[in-house]
Structure formats: structure tokens, C-alpha cells
Protein backbone atom coordinates (compact mmCIF):
# COMPACT_ATOMS: atom_id res chain seq x y z
CA UNK A 1 127.51 123.79 155.63
CA UNK A 2 131.02 124.72 154.57
CA UNK A 3 133.39 122.15 153.09
CA UNK A 4 136.59 122.29 155.11
CA UNK A 5 139.91 122.01 153.28
CA UNK A 6 143.31 122.00 154.94
CA UNK A 7 145.50 124.38 152.95
CA UNK A 8 149.25 123.88 152.75
CA UNK A 9 150.96 127.07 151.55
CA UNK A 10 153.51 126.51 148.78
CA UNK A 11 156.90 128.14 148.62
CA UNK A 12 157.91 130.00 145.48
CA UNK A 13 160.55 127.38 144.66
CA UNK A 14 158.01 124.58 144.97
CA UNK A 15 155.59 126.39 142.64
CA UNK A 16 158.32 126.87 140.04
CA UNK A 17 159.33 123.22 140.37
CA UNK A 18 155.74 122.24 139.66
CA UNK A 19 155.75 124.48 136.59
CA UNK A 20 158.93 122.79 135.34
CA UNK A 21 157.58 119.31 136.02
CA UNK A 22 154.37 120.10 134.14
CA UNK A 23 156.34 121.37 131.13
CA UNK A 24 158.65 118.34 131.06
CA UNK A 25 155.71 115.95 131.29
CA UNK A 26 153.83 117.71 128.47
CA UNK A 27 156.94 117.79 126.28
CA UNK A 28 157.29 114.05 126.77
CA UNK A 29 153.71 113.60 125.57
CA UNK A 30 154.12 115.88 122.59
CA UNK A 31 157.52 114.60 121.44
CA UNK A 32 155.94 111.89 119.32
CA UNK A 33 153.23 113.98 117.68
CA UNK A 34 155.28 116.47 115.70
CA UNK A 35 154.67 119.57 117.77
CA UNK A 36 156.69 122.08 115.78
CA UNK A 37 160.36 122.03 116.74
CA UNK A 38 161.68 125.13 118.49
CA UNK A 39 158.14 126.50 118.76
CA UNK A 40 157.83 127.97 122.24
CA UNK A 41 154.55 127.08 123.88
CA UNK A 42 153.48 130.40 125.36
CA UNK A 43 150.86 133.12 125.31
CA UNK A 44 151.32 136.14 123.05
CA UNK A 45 150.22 139.34 124.81
CA UNK A 46 148.94 142.33 122.85
CA UNK A 47 148.25 145.86 123.99
CA UNK A 48 147.36 145.98 127.69
CA UNK A 49 146.70 142.26 127.93
CA UNK A 50 149.52 141.66 130.41
CA UNK A 51 148.02 144.20 132.80
CA UNK A 52 144.73 142.31 132.84
CA UNK A 53 146.53 138.99 133.31
CA UNK A 54 148.42 140.30 136.33
CA UNK A 55 145.09 140.51 138.14
CA UNK A 56 144.42 136.86 137.31
CA UNK A 57 147.90 135.76 138.42
CA UNK A 58 147.59 137.66 141.71
CA UNK A 59 144.36 135.76 142.32
CA UNK A 60 146.21 132.50 141.60
CA UNK A 61 148.85 133.54 144.15
CA UNK A 62 146.20 134.23 146.76
CA UNK A 63 144.61 130.87 146.10
CA UNK A 64 147.86 128.90 146.27
CA UNK A 65 149.68 130.71 149.07
CA UNK A 66 146.77 131.61 151.35
CA UNK A 67 143.89 129.42 150.26
CA UNK A 68 141.80 132.49 149.56
CA UNK A 69 139.36 133.24 146.79
CA UNK A 70 137.50 131.51 143.99
CA UNK A 71 138.55 131.92 140.36
CA UNK A 72 135.83 131.43 137.78
CA UNK A 73 137.11 130.40 134.35
CA UNK A 74 134.82 130.30 131.32
CA UNK A 75 135.80 128.66 128.02
CA UNK A 76 133.59 129.30 125.00
CA UNK A 77 133.87 127.35 121.76
CA UNK A 78 132.48 124.86 119.27
CA UNK A 79 132.36 121.06 119.02
CA UNK A 80 135.95 120.80 120.29
CA UNK A 81 134.67 122.23 123.57
CA UNK A 82 131.23 120.60 123.65
CA UNK A 83 132.95 117.20 123.67
CA UNK A 84 134.20 118.15 127.13
CA UNK A 85 137.65 116.56 127.02
CA UNK A 86 139.63 119.82 126.94
CA UNK A 87 137.74 121.52 129.81
CA UNK A 88 137.81 118.39 131.98
CA UNK A 89 141.56 117.92 131.46
CA UNK A 90 142.10 121.59 132.32
CA UNK A 91 140.21 120.96 135.57
CA UNK A 92 142.50 118.02 136.32
CA UNK A 93 145.59 120.11 135.56
CA UNK A 94 144.47 122.95 137.80
CA UNK A 95 143.57 120.49 140.55
CA UNK A 96 147.04 118.94 140.36
CA UNK A 97 148.67 122.37 140.58
CA UNK A 98 146.67 123.72 143.49
CA UNK A 99 147.77 121.95 146.67
CA UNK A 100 144.29 121.04 147.94
CA UNK A 101 142.98 120.11 144.51
CA UNK A 102 139.70 121.75 145.37
CA UNK A 103 137.25 123.48 143.10
CA UNK A 104 133.78 123.11 141.63
CA UNK A 105 132.30 121.82 138.38
CA UNK A 106 130.73 125.06 137.20
CA UNK A 107 128.13 125.30 134.44
CA UNK A 108 126.52 122.18 133.01
CA UNK A 109 123.69 121.66 130.57
CA UNK A 110 121.42 118.66 129.83
CA UNK A 111 122.58 118.28 126.23
CA UNK A 112 120.82 114.94 125.93
CA UNK A 113 117.45 116.65 126.26
CA UNK A 114 118.40 118.73 123.20
CA UNK A 115 119.37 115.51 121.37
CA UNK A 116 123.07 116.26 121.14
CA UNK A 117 126.25 114.87 122.71
CA UNK A 118 127.01 115.40 126.39
CA UNK A 119 130.45 116.04 127.97
CA UNK A 120 131.96 112.84 129.33
CA UNK A 121 132.21 113.73 133.05
CA UNK A 122 128.44 113.62 133.68
CA UNK A 123 125.30 112.16 132.13
CA UNK A 124 121.68 113.20 132.17
CA UNK A 125 118.30 111.51 132.41
CA UNK A 126 115.04 113.34 131.92
CA UNK A 127 111.27 113.08 131.89
CA UNK A 128 108.65 115.04 129.99
CA UNK A 129 108.48 116.60 126.55
CA UNK A 130 110.96 119.36 125.76
CA UNK A 131 111.70 121.76 122.91
CA UNK A 132 115.20 123.01 122.26
CA UNK A 133 117.10 125.77 120.49
CA UNK A 134 120.82 126.32 119.78
CA UNK A 135 122.76 129.37 118.69
CA UNK A 136 123.69 127.72 115.37
CA UNK A 137 120.03 127.55 114.31
CA UNK A 138 119.71 130.89 112.56
CA UNK A 139 116.08 130.32 111.52
CA UNK A 140 114.86 129.91 115.09
CA UNK A 141 113.84 132.91 117.16
CA UNK A 142 114.76 132.18 120.76
CA UNK A 143 116.50 133.82 123.69
CA UNK A 144 119.84 132.20 124.59
CA UNK A 145 122.41 132.66 127.30
CA UNK A 146 126.08 131.89 127.84
CA UNK A 147 125.70 128.18 127.10
CA UNK A 148 124.34 128.93 123.62
CA UNK A 149 121.55 126.40 124.03
CA UNK A 150 118.25 126.10 125.86
CA UNK A 151 115.46 123.60 126.50
CA UNK A 152 111.89 124.37 127.50
CA UNK A 153 108.81 122.47 128.59
CA UNK A 154 105.23 123.06 129.56
CA UNK A 155 104.55 119.54 130.76
CA UNK A 156 102.55 119.24 133.95
CA UNK A 157 105.44 117.35 135.51
CA UNK A 158 108.89 117.29 133.91
CA UNK A 159 112.39 116.90 135.23
CA UNK A 160 116.04 116.10 134.76
CA UNK A 161 118.72 114.29 136.75
CA UNK A 162 122.42 115.11 136.55
CA UNK A 163 124.78 112.24 137.42
CA UNK A 164 128.40 113.24 138.06
CA UNK A 165 130.64 110.33 137.13
CA UNK A 166 133.05 108.89 139.69
CA UNK A 167 136.10 109.94 137.68
CA UNK A 168 134.91 113.55 137.33
CA UNK A 169 137.47 116.01 138.71
CA UNK A 170 135.10 118.18 140.75
CA UNK A 171 132.00 116.42 142.10
CA UNK A 172 131.17 118.01 145.45
CA UNK A 173 128.69 120.86 145.65
CA UNK A 174 126.30 122.42 148.12
CA UNK A 175 125.21 125.40 146.05
CA UNK A 176 123.58 125.62 142.63
CA UNK A 177 122.43 128.46 140.42
CA UNK A 178 119.71 127.65 137.89
CA UNK A 179 119.55 129.99 134.88
CA UNK A 180 116.03 130.30 133.49
CA UNK A 181 113.47 132.70 132.14
CA UNK A 182 112.03 134.75 135.03
CA UNK A 183 109.73 132.42 136.90
CA UNK A 184 106.10 133.26 137.52
CA UNK A 185 103.53 131.45 139.64
CA UNK A 186 102.99 128.84 136.91
CA UNK A 187 106.01 126.69 137.90
CA UNK A 188 107.76 125.37 140.98
CA UNK A 189 111.23 123.80 141.05
CA UNK A 190 112.02 121.23 143.71
CA UNK A 191 114.53 118.45 144.41
CA UNK A 192 113.02 115.02 145.20
CA UNK A 193 114.81 113.21 148.01
CA UNK A 194 116.19 116.44 149.46
CA UNK A 195 112.98 117.84 150.94
CA UNK A 196 113.69 120.16 153.86
CA UNK A 197 117.44 120.13 153.10
CA UNK A 198 117.72 123.22 150.90
CA UNK A 199 116.60 126.83 150.72
CA UNK A 200 116.46 129.62 148.19
CA UNK A 201 119.16 132.24 148.64
CA UNK A 202 117.82 135.79 148.77
CA UNK A 203 117.74 138.30 147.18
CA UNK A 204 116.57 136.54 144.04
CA UNK A 205 118.29 137.74 140.86
CA UNK A 206 116.39 138.16 137.62
CA UNK A 207 116.88 135.18 135.35
CA UNK A 208 118.34 132.78 137.91
CA UNK A 209 117.56 131.10 141.20
CA UNK A 210 120.26 130.32 143.80
CA UNK A 211 119.79 127.24 145.99
CA UNK A 212 121.92 126.29 148.99
CA UNK A 213 121.82 122.73 150.33
CA UNK A 214 122.34 121.79 153.96
CA UNK A 215 124.52 118.85 153.01
CA UNK A 216 127.34 118.10 150.57
CA UNK A 217 126.17 116.35 147.39
CA UNK A 218 128.66 114.32 145.38
CA UNK A 219 126.90 112.03 142.95
CA UNK A 220 123.62 113.21 141.47
CA UNK A 221 120.93 115.85 141.60
CA UNK A 222 117.32 115.38 140.54
CA UNK A 223 115.37 118.48 139.54
CA UNK A 224 111.59 118.39 139.22
CA UNK A 225 109.74 121.16 137.41
CA UNK A 226 106.13 121.28 138.54
CA UNK A 227 103.52 123.22 136.61
CA UNK A 228 100.92 124.57 139.00
CA UNK A 229 98.23 125.88 136.64
CA UNK A 230 96.76 125.30 133.19
CA UNK A 231 98.19 128.42 131.53
CA UNK A 232 100.17 127.44 128.43
CA UNK A 233 103.49 129.01 129.45
CA UNK A 234 106.90 127.37 129.05
CA UNK A 235 109.61 126.80 131.63
CA UNK A 236 112.87 127.71 129.85
CA UNK A 237 116.16 126.30 131.15
CA UNK A 238 119.56 127.79 130.18
CA UNK A 239 121.94 125.82 132.41
CA UNK A 240 122.90 125.12 135.99
CA UNK A 241 126.03 126.13 137.90
CA UNK A 242 127.39 123.60 140.43
CA UNK A 243 129.53 125.28 143.10
CA UNK A 244 130.60 125.03 146.74
CA UNK A 245 131.89 127.41 149.38
CA UNK A 246 135.53 126.43 149.16
CA UNK A 247 138.27 128.54 147.64
CA UNK A 248 139.40 127.02 144.36
CA UNK A 249 138.88 126.87 140.60
CA UNK A 250 135.45 126.81 138.97
CA UNK A 251 135.91 125.88 135.29
CA UNK A 252 132.81 126.32 133.12
CA UNK A 253 132.66 125.46 129.43
CA UNK A 254 130.19 126.45 126.73
CA UNK A 255 130.56 124.59 123.45
CA UNK A 256 128.08 124.11 120.60
CA UNK A 257 128.69 121.83 117.62
CA UNK A 258 129.14 123.94 114.50
CA UNK A 259 129.37 127.25 116.39
CA UNK A 260 130.94 130.28 114.74
CA UNK A 261 131.76 133.64 116.31
CA UNK A 262 128.39 135.00 115.16
CA UNK A 263 126.63 132.14 116.96
CA UNK A 264 127.50 133.67 120.32
CA UNK A 265 126.59 137.16 119.14
CA UNK A 266 123.04 135.79 118.91
CA UNK A 267 123.02 134.97 122.64
CA UNK A 268 121.04 137.93 123.97
CA UNK A 269 121.23 136.87 127.64
CA UNK A 270 124.96 136.17 127.57
CA UNK A 271 126.04 139.52 129.06
CA UNK A 272 123.57 139.28 131.94
CA UNK A 273 124.72 135.76 132.82
CA UNK A 274 128.41 136.72 132.60
CA UNK A 275 127.77 139.61 135.02
CA UNK A 276 126.35 137.11 137.48
CA UNK A 277 129.18 134.57 137.05
CA UNK A 278 131.96 137.21 137.26
CA UNK A 279 134.65 135.17 135.45
CA UNK A 280 138.28 135.89 136.29
CA UNK A 281 139.43 134.49 132.95
CA UNK A 282 137.64 133.95 129.62
CA UNK A 283 139.00 131.64 126.90
CA UNK A 284 137.55 131.93 123.40
CA UNK A 285 138.17 128.86 121.23
CA UNK A 286 136.42 129.68 117.98
CA UNK A 287 137.33 129.91 114.31
CA UNK A 288 137.28 126.33 113.00
CA UNK A 289 133.76 126.63 111.59
CA UNK A 290 134.25 130.24 110.45
CA UNK A 291 137.22 129.13 108.32
CA UNK A 292 135.61 125.92 107.02
CA UNK A 293 133.68 127.33 103.99
CA UNK A 294 135.54 127.87 100.74
CA UNK A 295 135.29 131.64 101.07
CA UNK A 296 136.59 133.19 104.28
CA UNK A 297 135.83 136.89 104.66
CA UNK A 298 138.65 138.11 106.88
CA UNK A 299 137.30 141.60 107.61
CA UNK A 300 133.88 140.27 108.56
CA UNK A 301 135.41 137.66 110.86
CA UNK A 302 137.56 140.29 112.58
CA UNK A 303 134.62 142.66 113.07
CA UNK A 304 132.43 139.90 114.52
CA UNK A 305 135.18 138.64 116.84
CA UNK A 306 135.86 142.17 118.13
CA UNK A 307 132.13 142.54 118.82
CA UNK A 308 132.15 139.30 120.82
CA UNK A 309 135.17 140.36 122.90
CA UNK A 310 133.54 143.74 123.52
CA UNK A 311 130.34 142.00 124.57
CA UNK A 312 132.27 140.02 127.16
CA UNK A 313 134.13 143.08 128.41
CA UNK A 314 130.90 145.07 128.72
CA UNK A 315 129.72 142.44 131.17
CA UNK A 316 133.10 142.12 132.95
CA UNK A 317 135.36 145.15 132.34
CA UNK A 318 139.06 144.32 132.38
CA UNK A 319 138.62 140.54 132.39
CA UNK A 320 141.66 138.82 130.82
CA UNK A 321 140.68 137.13 127.56
CA UNK A 322 142.61 134.43 125.71
CA UNK A 323 141.98 133.78 122.01
CA UNK A 324 143.05 130.28 120.97
CA UNK A 325 143.95 129.74 117.30
CA UNK A 326 142.19 126.62 115.95
CA UNK A 327 144.40 123.72 114.99
CA UNK A 328 144.94 122.49 111.47
CA UNK A 329 142.14 120.45 109.88
CA UNK A 330 140.93 119.12 106.55
CA UNK A 331 137.74 119.70 104.62
CA UNK A 332 135.72 116.60 103.73
CA UNK A 333 138.41 114.27 105.06
CA UNK A 334 140.96 114.95 102.32
CA UNK A 335 141.30 118.62 101.33
CA UNK A 336 143.62 120.92 103.23
CA UNK A 337 142.19 124.24 104.39
CA UNK A 338 144.32 127.31 103.57
CA UNK A 339 141.73 129.56 105.23
CA UNK A 340 143.16 128.56 108.61
CA UNK A 341 146.29 130.59 107.89
CA UNK A 342 144.10 133.64 107.29
CA UNK A 343 142.03 132.87 110.36
CA UNK A 344 145.20 132.77 112.46
CA UNK A 345 146.28 136.17 111.17
CA UNK A 346 142.79 137.55 111.76
CA UNK A 347 142.77 136.32 115.37
CA UNK A 348 146.12 138.03 115.98
CA UNK A 349 144.61 141.25 114.60
CA UNK A 350 141.60 140.90 116.92
CA UNK A 351 143.96 140.51 119.87
CA UNK A 352 145.86 143.64 118.89
CA UNK A 353 142.67 145.67 118.75
CA UNK A 354 141.15 144.30 121.96
CA UNK A 355 144.11 143.83 124.36
CA UNK A 356 143.83 140.05 124.40
CA UNK A 357 146.35 137.25 124.72
CA UNK A 358 146.66 134.56 122.03
CA UNK A 359 147.57 130.89 122.24
CA UNK A 360 148.70 129.86 118.75
CA UNK A 361 147.84 126.18 118.68
CA UNK A 362 147.83 126.18 114.87
CA UNK A 363 151.56 126.97 114.71
CA UNK A 364 152.32 124.80 117.72
CA UNK A 365 150.87 121.66 116.16
CA UNK A 366 152.89 122.26 112.98
CA UNK A 367 150.92 124.62 110.73
CA UNK A 368 149.55 123.64 107.28
CA UNK A 369 148.87 119.91 106.78
CA UNK A 370 150.11 119.07 110.30
CA UNK A 371 146.75 117.39 110.89
CA UNK A 372 148.12 114.47 108.84
CA UNK A 373 150.97 113.95 111.31
CA UNK A 374 148.57 113.99 114.24
CA UNK A 375 146.30 111.59 112.35
CA UNK A 376 149.18 109.18 111.72
CA UNK A 377 150.02 109.36 115.42
CA UNK A 378 146.49 108.16 116.23
CA UNK A 379 145.30 111.42 117.80
CA UNK A 380 142.72 112.58 115.25
CA UNK A 381 139.28 111.30 114.22
CA UNK A 382 138.71 109.91 110.73
CA UNK A 383 137.20 113.20 109.54
CA UNK A 384 140.61 114.89 110.11
CA UNK A 385 138.63 117.75 111.61
CA UNK A 386 138.14 116.61 115.19
CA UNK A 387 140.65 115.06 117.56
CA UNK A 388 140.04 111.89 119.51
CA UNK A 389 140.07 111.85 123.30
CA UNK A 390 143.85 111.49 123.60
CA UNK A 391 144.41 114.27 121.08
CA UNK A 392 142.18 116.60 123.08
CA UNK A 393 143.91 115.68 126.35
CA UNK A 394 147.29 116.58 124.86
CA UNK A 395 145.87 119.82 123.50
CA UNK A 396 144.58 120.70 126.98
CA UNK A 397 147.92 119.87 128.59
CA UNK A 398 149.72 122.10 126.09
CA UNK A 399 147.30 124.93 126.85
CA UNK A 400 147.84 124.49 130.57
CA UNK A 401 151.61 124.43 130.06
CA UNK A 402 151.38 127.78 128.21
CA UNK A 403 149.34 129.18 131.10
CA UNK A 404 151.97 127.97 133.56
CA UNK A 405 154.71 129.55 131.47
CA UNK A 406 152.92 132.92 131.66
CA UNK A 407 152.34 132.50 135.39
CA UNK A 408 156.00 131.60 135.96
CA UNK A 409 157.07 134.76 134.11
CA UNK A 410 154.76 136.78 136.35
CA UNK A 411 156.41 135.28 139.44
CA UNK A 412 159.89 136.06 138.06
CA UNK A 413 158.93 139.67 137.33
CA UNK A 414 157.37 140.06 140.76
CA UNK A 415 160.59 138.88 142.41
CA UNK A 416 162.69 141.31 140.37
CA UNK A 417 160.49 144.23 141.39
CA UNK A 418 160.80 143.45 145.11
């Protein structure tokens, strides 16, 4: 069953007006939090980055003007992303920009099963005994995918239920993709309460199973994992992608508390899963944890980051990549961190060598010791390392404003070339 959306094409002037309104609204928010004066909020393009972004912006045009296409966005990061506030606000911003407001939730993971914090737009319940592994656990030997985390069970009957909260931006889905270790005859996955209302989509791809439902689901999904024999194998779960058949934005986020660039280099299944997802835009929001120790090895950080970008591009050649510079933060609540200046310079060097764009949030928020101003404004947690919810929402709005600025420039250039 297809979800029907009535598309209203936007004129160029209306699109630009929306860009201007978004910028004015964000500036109003940021005026009281010491965003650096005269600091333009925009993307910095290096090498052939603009060429790659033109493909993304043409897709945005097709989506807005004709209601055609689906754009998959993947943001990869650390605890700032695992908290879920930045990705969810980005979904809201995209939904407010696209006339129909349609899209899908994208990748989710049952973080609660792994005994860690869950993004705020959904919650999870589960049954059975599970083991877990994360990409920050260097002493564990486990296969990991794009989400950087996995859970596994060999219980006779185990399961999980995803509840999408009422205030979540994208709730409707009729298609899911479960990422897992290749299934054998030892396990069966089913969906209690939806018997006879779904079917497996063929051909089956290695490492995932696609399920299409005959009805639109908006609130929750229960997954039961049934072990059919006594062989001591594990069912390994890497994440689930919630989608629908509408044109729109699918915004997936992968964040692991404490993650560094090398954490995602350990994810051996990441390339395979990115090939399946086919993202139209990848945002890398890493560096906070890399720069946290007293000794920051710039050359090593650059080499690792280049390897990660190359890994993404091997899976999706030509995909536009944005590197976000981490904001200012303190060590142990009270010591400023000069390594962040070096990390910023290193990220710019990575962009130059890999044809990426950069969003310099570090400079935008005020540079060294600006975390104190954000803290005084009530936007930062007591550790002066993480933001609170409102701080993350403002950060997301600033990122979206920078995206809109780049998109507006693309529209202007397109008009001049006509």
C-alpha cells in the first residue's frame, strides 16, 4: 500500500523566502548565546566538494518542485549524536522546508538492550537475554555495522518492541529493513499482531531482510525472534531501517558515546550496509573524543579520518560528505582544551585532501573558552562537554541554516547559468 501525499510545487521565490525566514529565526535564537559576531554560518567547500553537492541539491529540487525521489541522509558521530536531539531537530527542519513534510525515520537501534541511552523520539522494550558490543570497546572481537553497535541472543524466544513517540517527526512506515548476520534455519523473525499482513521482499540481500507491510504503521512494532532448533548459534542484530514508499527525506543517525574516528574504522560491515542504504549525503560529526586526551597526535588523526572518508566513498562513490568541527568544551569540568584548535585545523586538512565540505561549529560558537558563554546562557550540561537539549536544538538549527545557505547559493548560480 502506498502512502498518498498531495504535492504542492514551490516557486523559486517561495523557496528563497523560506531560506530567509529560516535564517532570521535561527539568528534570533542565537543572538543571546554569543555566536561569534560577523561569523558567516556557511559550509566551506574544498576541492571538488561543490560538484558532489550539486547532485544533492538537484535531488532537493526534484523533491521540492516535483515531489520525486527519496534522499537518504546519514549522520555519524559520538555521544552528541547518540542523544538524538540534533538528528531529530534536523528532521523537523527538513519537514518544515519540504511542502508535504513527508519522510521516514530511517535507522534505529534498541540501545536500551545494550544498556545505554536511547534517542528521545522512540523507546524500546525487550524480552530475553542479550549480549552487546560497541565500536568503542577495543578489547572485544565482534563484527559491527554502520550503527557501531550490535546485540545478539540465543534465547529460545526473544524479542524487542519499538515505540515511536507521538511527537516524533516521522512515524509512518510500511517497509522495514532488518540488518543482521546472515540468517540460517536456526531462527525465524515474525511480527506478533500483524500475522498475514506482511511479506518478505525478494531477492533477499546478504546481511539484511526487507519486509513490506500491507498497512501503514504509525505507533509501534513488535519483533519476535524465534529459535527453531537446539544449536547454540546467536541471532545478531545491527539495526532496523523504518521507511515508506513516499518521496521525502530519510534521516538516519549513528552515534556511540565516546566514539572516535578509529571507532568507526573498526566497523567491518559498515561499507556493505552503506551500499545498501545508498545515502545521498553523509555528515561526519567526530573529533570531540579524539581531542579530549592531553596529547593529540594531529597526523594520526588526519590519516584515520581520511581512511574513514575513503571507506564511505568506496561504498558510495561521489557521495557529498560534510565534516562538522566539534564545538568548544572543557576537560573535567574546568580545564579548557587547546587541542580543539588543532583538531579544527586537522579537519580542514582532511577536507582538502578528500573533497569534503566543512561546517565550522567551533568558530561559529565563539572559539576557545566559548563553552563558558553557552554554559552561562543555560545551554550546556554541568560537565561543560555536552550540551543540554536546547543547546543541541540550536546547534541543529544552525547546521540546517548553513545547509540552506549552500542550497540558496546553488539556486542563484543555476539561475545565472540559464
